[in-house]
Amino acid sequence: MVAGAISGRYTGLLKIRINEQHKHKGMTNFLIFGPPGSGKGTQSVKLASEFNLIHLSTGDMLREEVAAQTELGRKVEVIMKRGELVPDEVVIQMIAERIDSNPRANGFIFDGFPRTVDQARALDKTLAEKNTSICKMLMLEVEHEELVRRLLLRAEVSDRPDDKDVNIIENRIKVYKEKTEPVIAYYRSDGKYLPVNGMGDIEKIFSRLSETLAACI
């Protein structure tokens, strides 16, 4: 009787472990990148809706956690009030929890994350532990002059001060390229980097991205 109970309990634990290993299988995950003015935020939302993926913007997630005053949100709020960057391990924990809370999701689209090679490695490790991975890194390629034009136009609507000054815009684009280049190299070495023409109107760009995603799913 005892042996049977132990055997039954072991079998139950084994089933839980197997389910845990397989619950994220079948997910198709993408990264979408692009310099300021590339429209990656707009395209991320459209792609998530079209392909039934969950859109993950770490900036939005951090604000949501703080607003909800979760345990993680309170920790993040203290860090942000000190004017410090949120540590990578906190961001990765937040992503892991979001994935775990959506075990039946078709996949995730990561908007502008990871920003460093260390973050990329940490994300890959976290996804591997959940039996899934990044399919492709989609990079929206937009001509420099067009980026500046779009941001200046956006300033007329958003009234964002960092969109109004051409010198600030130029510096934002320069810093973005410097910081993103190592991440591009990281995913290129894995054969996951995929540039996409980001010129044209929103629907044309969306059509190109959709074709790219459809080929991966």
C-alpha atoms as a PDB file:
ATOM      1  CA  MET A   1       0.000   0.000   0.000  1.00  0.00           C
ATOM      2  CA  VAL A   2       2.778   2.417   0.984  1.00  0.00           C
ATOM      3  CA  ALA A   3       4.805   1.401  -2.055  1.00  0.00           C
ATOM      4  CA  GLY A   4       1.760   1.976  -4.235  1.00  0.00           C
ATOM      5  CA  ALA A   5       1.192   5.404  -2.735  1.00  0.00           C
ATOM      6  CA  ILE A   6       4.843   6.350  -3.297  1.00  0.00           C
ATOM      7  CA  SER A   7       4.667   5.039  -6.841  1.00  0.00           C
ATOM      8  CA  GLY A   8       1.478   7.012  -7.497  1.00  0.00           C
ATOM      9  CA  ARG A   9       2.959  10.171  -6.034  1.00  0.00           C
ATOM     10  CA  TYR A  10       6.122   9.737  -8.149  1.00  0.00           C
ATOM     11  CA  THR A  11       4.021   9.240 -11.283  1.00  0.00           C
ATOM     12  CA  GLY A  12       2.050  12.389 -10.473  1.00  0.00           C
ATOM     13  CA  LEU A  13       5.228  14.420  -9.982  1.00  0.00           C
ATOM     14  CA  LEU A  14       6.636  13.031 -13.206  1.00  0.00           C
ATOM     15  CA  LYS A  15       3.499  14.111 -15.079  1.00  0.00           C
ATOM     16  CA  ILE A  16       3.745  17.609 -13.610  1.00  0.00           C
ATOM     17  CA  ARG A  17       7.387  17.808 -14.639  1.00  0.00           C
ATOM     18  CA  ILE A  18       6.646  16.627 -18.168  1.00  0.00           C
ATOM     19  CA  ASN A  19       3.771  19.105 -18.481  1.00  0.00           C
ATOM     20  CA  GLU A  20       6.069  21.866 -17.210  1.00  0.00           C
ATOM     21  CA  GLN A  21       8.662  20.968 -19.850  1.00  0.00           C
ATOM     22  CA  HIS A  22       6.150  20.926 -22.686  1.00  0.00           C
ATOM     23  CA  LYS A  23       3.677  23.667 -21.801  1.00  0.00           C
ATOM     24  CA  HIS A  24       5.561  26.357 -23.745  1.00  0.00           C
ATOM     25  CA  LYS A  25       6.343  24.127 -26.730  1.00  0.00           C
ATOM     26  CA  GLY A  26       4.971  25.421 -30.007  1.00  0.00           C
ATOM     27  CA  MET A  27       5.483  29.071 -29.086  1.00  0.00           C
ATOM     28  CA  THR A  28       6.905  31.271 -31.835  1.00  0.00           C
ATOM     29  CA  ASN A  29       8.771  34.240 -30.408  1.00  0.00           C
ATOM     30  CA  PHE A  30      10.124  37.286 -32.222  1.00  0.00           C
ATOM     31  CA  LEU A  31      12.155  40.370 -31.429  1.00  0.00           C
ATOM     32  CA  ILE A  32      11.345  43.576 -33.284  1.00  0.00           C
ATOM     33  CA  PHE A  33      13.902  46.359 -33.423  1.00  0.00           C
ATOM     34  CA  GLY A  34      14.213  49.675 -35.147  1.00  0.00           C
ATOM     35  CA  PRO A  35      15.684  53.115 -34.480  1.00  0.00           C
ATOM     36  CA  PRO A  36      13.571  55.990 -33.112  1.00  0.00           C
ATOM     37  CA  GLY A  37      11.001  56.848 -35.762  1.00  0.00           C
ATOM     38  CA  SER A  38      11.000  53.381 -37.357  1.00  0.00           C
ATOM     39  CA  GLY A  39       7.461  52.673 -36.127  1.00  0.00           C
ATOM     40  CA  LYS A  40       8.344  49.435 -34.344  1.00  0.00           C
ATOM     41  CA  GLY A  41       5.845  50.117 -31.545  1.00  0.00           C
ATOM     42  CA  THR A  42       2.972  50.542 -33.993  1.00  0.00           C
ATOM     43  CA  GLN A  43       4.039  47.494 -36.007  1.00  0.00           C
ATOM     44  CA  SER A  44       4.482  45.347 -32.880  1.00  0.00           C
ATOM     45  CA  VAL A  45       0.877  45.947 -31.831  1.00  0.00           C
ATOM     46  CA  LYS A  46      -0.438  45.224 -35.340  1.00  0.00           C
ATOM     47  CA  LEU A  47       1.616  42.024 -35.672  1.00  0.00           C
ATOM     48  CA  ALA A  48       0.572  40.785 -32.238  1.00  0.00           C
ATOM     49  CA  SER A  49      -3.065  41.228 -33.219  1.00  0.00           C
ATOM     50  CA  GLU A  50      -2.664  39.667 -36.675  1.00  0.00           C
ATOM     51  CA  PHE A  51      -0.784  36.557 -35.491  1.00  0.00           C
ATOM     52  CA  ASN A  52      -2.358  36.213 -32.041  1.00  0.00           C
ATOM     53  CA  LEU A  53       0.948  36.867 -30.277  1.00  0.00           C
ATOM     54  CA  ILE A  54       1.438  38.666 -26.970  1.00  0.00           C
ATOM     55  CA  HIS A  55       3.160  42.031 -27.337  1.00  0.00           C
ATOM     56  CA  LEU A  56       5.798  42.581 -24.658  1.00  0.00           C
ATOM     57  CA  SER A  57       7.224  46.064 -24.202  1.00  0.00           C
ATOM     58  CA  THR A  58       9.419  46.082 -21.105  1.00  0.00           C
ATOM     59  CA  GLY A  59       8.761  49.792 -20.584  1.00  0.00           C
ATOM     60  CA  ASP A  60       4.992  49.230 -20.594  1.00  0.00           C
ATOM     61  CA  MET A  61       5.366  46.173 -18.371  1.00  0.00           C
ATOM     62  CA  LEU A  62       7.386  48.078 -15.790  1.00  0.00           C
ATOM     63  CA  ARG A  63       4.779  50.842 -15.683  1.00  0.00           C
ATOM     64  CA  GLU A  64       1.983  48.263 -15.324  1.00  0.00           C
ATOM     65  CA  GLU A  65       3.752  46.525 -12.440  1.00  0.00           C
ATOM     66  CA  VAL A  66       4.251  49.850 -10.643  1.00  0.00           C
ATOM     67  CA  ALA A  67       0.635  50.913 -11.236  1.00  0.00           C
ATOM     68  CA  ALA A  68      -0.655  47.560  -9.941  1.00  0.00           C
ATOM     69  CA  GLN A  69       1.660  47.829  -6.902  1.00  0.00           C
ATOM     70  CA  THR A  70       2.721  44.199  -7.188  1.00  0.00           C
ATOM     71  CA  GLU A  71       5.689  43.025  -5.135  1.00  0.00           C
ATOM     72  CA  LEU A  72       7.875  43.426  -8.214  1.00  0.00           C
ATOM     73  CA  GLY A  73       6.257  46.768  -9.019  1.00  0.00           C
ATOM     74  CA  ARG A  74       7.065  48.185  -5.591  1.00  0.00           C
ATOM     75  CA  LYS A  75      10.676  47.082  -5.996  1.00  0.00           C
ATOM     76  CA  VAL A  76      10.863  48.688  -9.434  1.00  0.00           C
ATOM     77  CA  GLU A  77       9.245  51.916  -8.189  1.00  0.00           C
ATOM     78  CA  VAL A  78      11.949  52.380  -5.548  1.00  0.00           C
ATOM     79  CA  ILE A  79      14.677  51.863  -8.161  1.00  0.00           C
ATOM     80  CA  MET A  80      13.079  54.255 -10.648  1.00  0.00           C
ATOM     81  CA  LYS A  81      12.521  56.950  -8.002  1.00  0.00           C
ATOM     82  CA  ARG A  82      16.248  56.867  -7.322  1.00  0.00           C
ATOM     83  CA  GLY A  83      16.782  57.575 -11.008  1.00  0.00           C
ATOM     84  CA  GLU A  84      18.559  54.238 -11.533  1.00  0.00           C
ATOM     85  CA  LEU A  85      18.180  51.716 -14.346  1.00  0.00           C
ATOM     86  CA  VAL A  86      16.131  48.636 -13.502  1.00  0.00           C
ATOM     87  CA  PRO A  87      18.596  45.693 -13.186  1.00  0.00           C
ATOM     88  CA  ASP A  88      18.571  43.059 -15.914  1.00  0.00           C
ATOM     89  CA  GLU A  89      17.607  40.294 -13.471  1.00  0.00           C
ATOM     90  CA  VAL A  90      14.458  42.208 -12.477  1.00  0.00           C
ATOM     91  CA  VAL A  91      13.423  42.719 -16.116  1.00  0.00           C
ATOM     92  CA  ILE A  92      14.095  39.054 -16.933  1.00  0.00           C
ATOM     93  CA  GLN A  93      12.088  37.968 -13.870  1.00  0.00           C
ATOM     94  CA  MET A  94       9.199  40.118 -15.070  1.00  0.00           C
ATOM     95  CA  ILE A  95       9.360  38.555 -18.550  1.00  0.00           C
ATOM     96  CA  ALA A  96       9.546  35.031 -17.098  1.00  0.00           C
ATOM     97  CA  GLU A  97       6.460  35.680 -14.970  1.00  0.00           C
ATOM     98  CA  ARG A  98       4.565  37.048 -17.975  1.00  0.00           C
ATOM     99  CA  ILE A  99       5.434  33.951 -20.025  1.00  0.00           C
ATOM    100  CA  ASP A 100       4.414  31.638 -17.185  1.00  0.00           C
ATOM    101  CA  SER A 101       1.088  33.445 -16.839  1.00  0.00           C
ATOM    102  CA  ASN A 102       0.340  32.787 -20.528  1.00  0.00           C
ATOM    103  CA  PRO A 103       1.212  29.089 -21.017  1.00  0.00           C
ATOM    104  CA  ARG A 104      -1.205  28.672 -23.935  1.00  0.00           C
ATOM    105  CA  ALA A 105       0.038  31.685 -25.882  1.00  0.00           C
ATOM    106  CA  ASN A 106       1.016  31.193 -29.528  1.00  0.00           C
ATOM    107  CA  GLY A 107       4.135  33.199 -28.780  1.00  0.00           C
ATOM    108  CA  PHE A 108       5.490  36.601 -27.861  1.00  0.00           C
ATOM    109  CA  ILE A 109       6.799  39.604 -29.728  1.00  0.00           C
ATOM    110  CA  PHE A 110       9.472  41.461 -27.767  1.00  0.00           C
ATOM    111  CA  ASP A 111       9.431  45.169 -28.567  1.00  0.00           C
ATOM    112  CA  GLY A 112      12.938  46.690 -28.351  1.00  0.00           C
ATOM    113  CA  PHE A 113      14.273  44.110 -25.920  1.00  0.00           C
ATOM    114  CA  PRO A 114      16.971  42.902 -25.300  1.00  0.00           C
ATOM    115  CA  ARG A 115      19.076  46.074 -25.490  1.00  0.00           C
ATOM    116  CA  THR A 116      22.438  44.490 -24.601  1.00  0.00           C
ATOM    117  CA  VAL A 117      24.194  41.203 -25.290  1.00  0.00           C
ATOM    118  CA  ASP A 118      23.981  40.311 -21.580  1.00  0.00           C
ATOM    119  CA  GLN A 119      20.218  40.781 -21.732  1.00  0.00           C
ATOM    120  CA  ALA A 120      20.063  38.695 -24.924  1.00  0.00           C
ATOM    121  CA  ARG A 121      21.927  35.837 -23.244  1.00  0.00           C
ATOM    122  CA  ALA A 122      19.718  36.063 -20.154  1.00  0.00           C
ATOM    123  CA  LEU A 123      16.572  36.043 -22.306  1.00  0.00           C
ATOM    124  CA  ASP A 124      17.795  33.036 -24.314  1.00  0.00           C
ATOM    125  CA  LYS A 125      18.563  31.179 -21.070  1.00  0.00           C
ATOM    126  CA  THR A 126      15.131  31.967 -19.634  1.00  0.00           C
ATOM    127  CA  LEU A 127      13.344  30.888 -22.810  1.00  0.00           C
ATOM    128  CA  ALA A 128      15.425  27.690 -23.033  1.00  0.00           C
ATOM    129  CA  GLU A 129      14.380  26.816 -19.477  1.00  0.00           C
ATOM    130  CA  LYS A 130      10.793  27.112 -20.682  1.00  0.00           C
ATOM    131  CA  ASN A 131      11.467  24.935 -23.708  1.00  0.00           C
ATOM    132  CA  THR A 132      11.107  27.740 -26.230  1.00  0.00           C
ATOM    133  CA  SER A 133      13.372  30.221 -28.022  1.00  0.00           C
ATOM    134  CA  ILE A 134      13.592  33.299 -30.254  1.00  0.00           C
ATOM    135  CA  CYS A 135      12.696  32.553 -33.863  1.00  0.00           C
ATOM    136  CA  LYS A 136      13.898  35.757 -35.528  1.00  0.00           C
ATOM    137  CA  MET A 137      15.132  39.244 -34.734  1.00  0.00           C
ATOM    138  CA  LEU A 138      13.269  41.560 -37.120  1.00  0.00           C
ATOM    139  CA  MET A 139      15.129  44.806 -37.776  1.00  0.00           C
ATOM    140  CA  LEU A 140      13.251  47.660 -39.440  1.00  0.00           C
ATOM    141  CA  GLU A 141      15.657  49.469 -41.742  1.00  0.00           C
ATOM    142  CA  VAL A 142      14.750  53.098 -42.421  1.00  0.00           C
ATOM    143  CA  GLU A 143      16.820  55.793 -44.134  1.00  0.00           C
ATOM    144  CA  HIS A 144      18.268  58.388 -41.745  1.00  0.00           C
ATOM    145  CA  GLU A 145      16.522  61.373 -43.327  1.00  0.00           C
ATOM    146  CA  GLU A 146      13.179  59.570 -43.129  1.00  0.00           C
ATOM    147  CA  LEU A 147      13.642  58.846 -39.409  1.00  0.00           C
ATOM    148  CA  VAL A 148      14.271  62.539 -38.720  1.00  0.00           C
ATOM    149  CA  ARG A 149      11.254  63.529 -40.846  1.00  0.00           C
ATOM    150  CA  ARG A 150       8.933  61.103 -39.048  1.00  0.00           C
ATOM    151  CA  LEU A 151      10.062  62.209 -35.578  1.00  0.00           C
ATOM    152  CA  LEU A 152       9.586  65.881 -36.412  1.00  0.00           C
ATOM    153  CA  LEU A 153       6.098  65.092 -37.694  1.00  0.00           C
ATOM    154  CA  ARG A 154       5.367  63.069 -34.564  1.00  0.00           C
ATOM    155  CA  ALA A 155       6.380  66.060 -32.425  1.00  0.00           C
ATOM    156  CA  GLU A 156       3.520  68.049 -33.943  1.00  0.00           C
ATOM    157  CA  VAL A 157       1.075  65.522 -32.476  1.00  0.00           C
ATOM    158  CA  SER A 158       2.809  64.169 -29.361  1.00  0.00           C
ATOM    159  CA  ASP A 159       4.465  67.420 -28.260  1.00  0.00           C
ATOM    160  CA  ARG A 160       7.400  65.328 -27.026  1.00  0.00           C
ATOM    161  CA  PRO A 161      10.395  67.654 -26.472  1.00  0.00           C
ATOM    162  CA  ASP A 162      12.890  64.990 -27.620  1.00  0.00           C
ATOM    163  CA  ASP A 163      11.083  64.834 -30.979  1.00  0.00           C
ATOM    164  CA  LYS A 164      11.324  68.580 -31.626  1.00  0.00           C
ATOM    165  CA  ASP A 165      15.076  69.193 -31.599  1.00  0.00           C
ATOM    166  CA  VAL A 166      16.972  67.867 -34.623  1.00  0.00           C
ATOM    167  CA  ASN A 167      20.233  67.651 -32.638  1.00  0.00           C
ATOM    168  CA  ILE A 168      18.556  65.511 -29.957  1.00  0.00           C
ATOM    169  CA  ILE A 169      17.000  63.326 -32.643  1.00  0.00           C
ATOM    170  CA  GLU A 170      20.374  62.845 -34.351  1.00  0.00           C
ATOM    171  CA  ASN A 171      21.961  61.867 -31.050  1.00  0.00           C
ATOM    172  CA  ARG A 172      19.160  59.412 -30.181  1.00  0.00           C
ATOM    173  CA  ILE A 173      19.618  57.651 -33.518  1.00  0.00           C
ATOM    174  CA  LYS A 174      23.414  57.576 -33.075  1.00  0.00           C
ATOM    175  CA  VAL A 175      23.198  56.149 -29.530  1.00  0.00           C
ATOM    176  CA  TYR A 176      20.616  53.588 -30.645  1.00  0.00           C
ATOM    177  CA  LYS A 177      22.884  52.308 -33.430  1.00  0.00           C
ATOM    178  CA  GLU A 178      25.902  52.101 -31.129  1.00  0.00           C
ATOM    179  CA  LYS A 179      23.997  50.151 -28.479  1.00  0.00           C
ATOM    180  CA  THR A 180      22.140  47.877 -30.877  1.00  0.00           C
ATOM    181  CA  GLU A 181      25.066  46.819 -33.073  1.00  0.00           C
ATOM    182  CA  PRO A 182      26.415  44.217 -30.580  1.00  0.00           C
ATOM    183  CA  VAL A 183      22.899  42.750 -30.174  1.00  0.00           C
ATOM    184  CA  ILE A 184      22.555  42.515 -33.965  1.00  0.00           C
ATOM    185  CA  ALA A 185      25.914  40.716 -34.125  1.00  0.00           C
ATOM    186  CA  TYR A 186      24.774  38.306 -31.402  1.00  0.00           C
ATOM    187  CA  TYR A 187      21.603  37.251 -33.239  1.00  0.00           C
ATOM    188  CA  ARG A 188      23.295  37.343 -36.637  1.00  0.00           C
ATOM    189  CA  SER A 189      25.797  34.751 -35.373  1.00  0.00           C
ATOM    190  CA  ASP A 190      22.805  32.513 -34.548  1.00  0.00           C
ATOM    191  CA  GLY A 191      21.285  33.059 -37.995  1.00  0.00           C
ATOM    192  CA  LYS A 192      18.295  34.846 -36.444  1.00  0.00           C
ATOM    193  CA  TYR A 193      18.889  38.419 -37.608  1.00  0.00           C
ATOM    194  CA  LEU A 194      16.496  39.456 -40.365  1.00  0.00           C
ATOM    195  CA  PRO A 195      16.452  43.013 -41.790  1.00  0.00           C
ATOM    196  CA  VAL A 196      13.103  44.264 -43.115  1.00  0.00           C
ATOM    197  CA  ASN A 197      12.560  47.303 -45.343  1.00  0.00           C
ATOM    198  CA  GLY A 198      10.944  49.921 -43.081  1.00  0.00           C
ATOM    199  CA  MET A 199      10.384  52.536 -45.790  1.00  0.00           C
ATOM    200  CA  GLY A 200       6.898  53.431 -47.008  1.00  0.00           C
ATOM    201  CA  ASP A 201       3.555  53.766 -45.267  1.00  0.00           C
ATOM    202  CA  ILE A 202       2.414  51.786 -42.221  1.00  0.00           C
ATOM    203  CA  GLU A 203       0.420  49.224 -44.228  1.00  0.00           C
ATOM    204  CA  LYS A 204       3.229  48.497 -46.693  1.00  0.00           C
ATOM    205  CA  ILE A 205       5.683  47.943 -43.849  1.00  0.00           C
ATOM    206  CA  PHE A 206       3.129  45.795 -42.021  1.00  0.00           C
ATOM    207  CA  SER A 207       2.649  43.688 -45.156  1.00  0.00           C
ATOM    208  CA  ARG A 208       6.413  43.027 -45.403  1.00  0.00           C
ATOM    209  CA  LEU A 209       6.671  42.120 -41.726  1.00  0.00           C
ATOM    210  CA  SER A 210       3.610  39.876 -41.962  1.00  0.00           C
ATOM    211  CA  GLU A 211       5.100  37.946 -44.876  1.00  0.00           C
ATOM    212  CA  THR A 212       8.306  37.475 -42.879  1.00  0.00           C
ATOM    213  CA  LEU A 213       6.462  36.241 -39.780  1.00  0.00           C
ATOM    214  CA  ALA A 214       4.179  33.974 -41.768  1.00  0.00           C
ATOM    215  CA  ALA A 215       7.225  32.224 -43.229  1.00  0.00           C
ATOM    216  CA  CYS A 216       8.494  31.469 -39.708  1.00  0.00           C
ATOM    217  CA  ILE A 217       5.248  30.230 -38.155  1.00  0.00           C
END
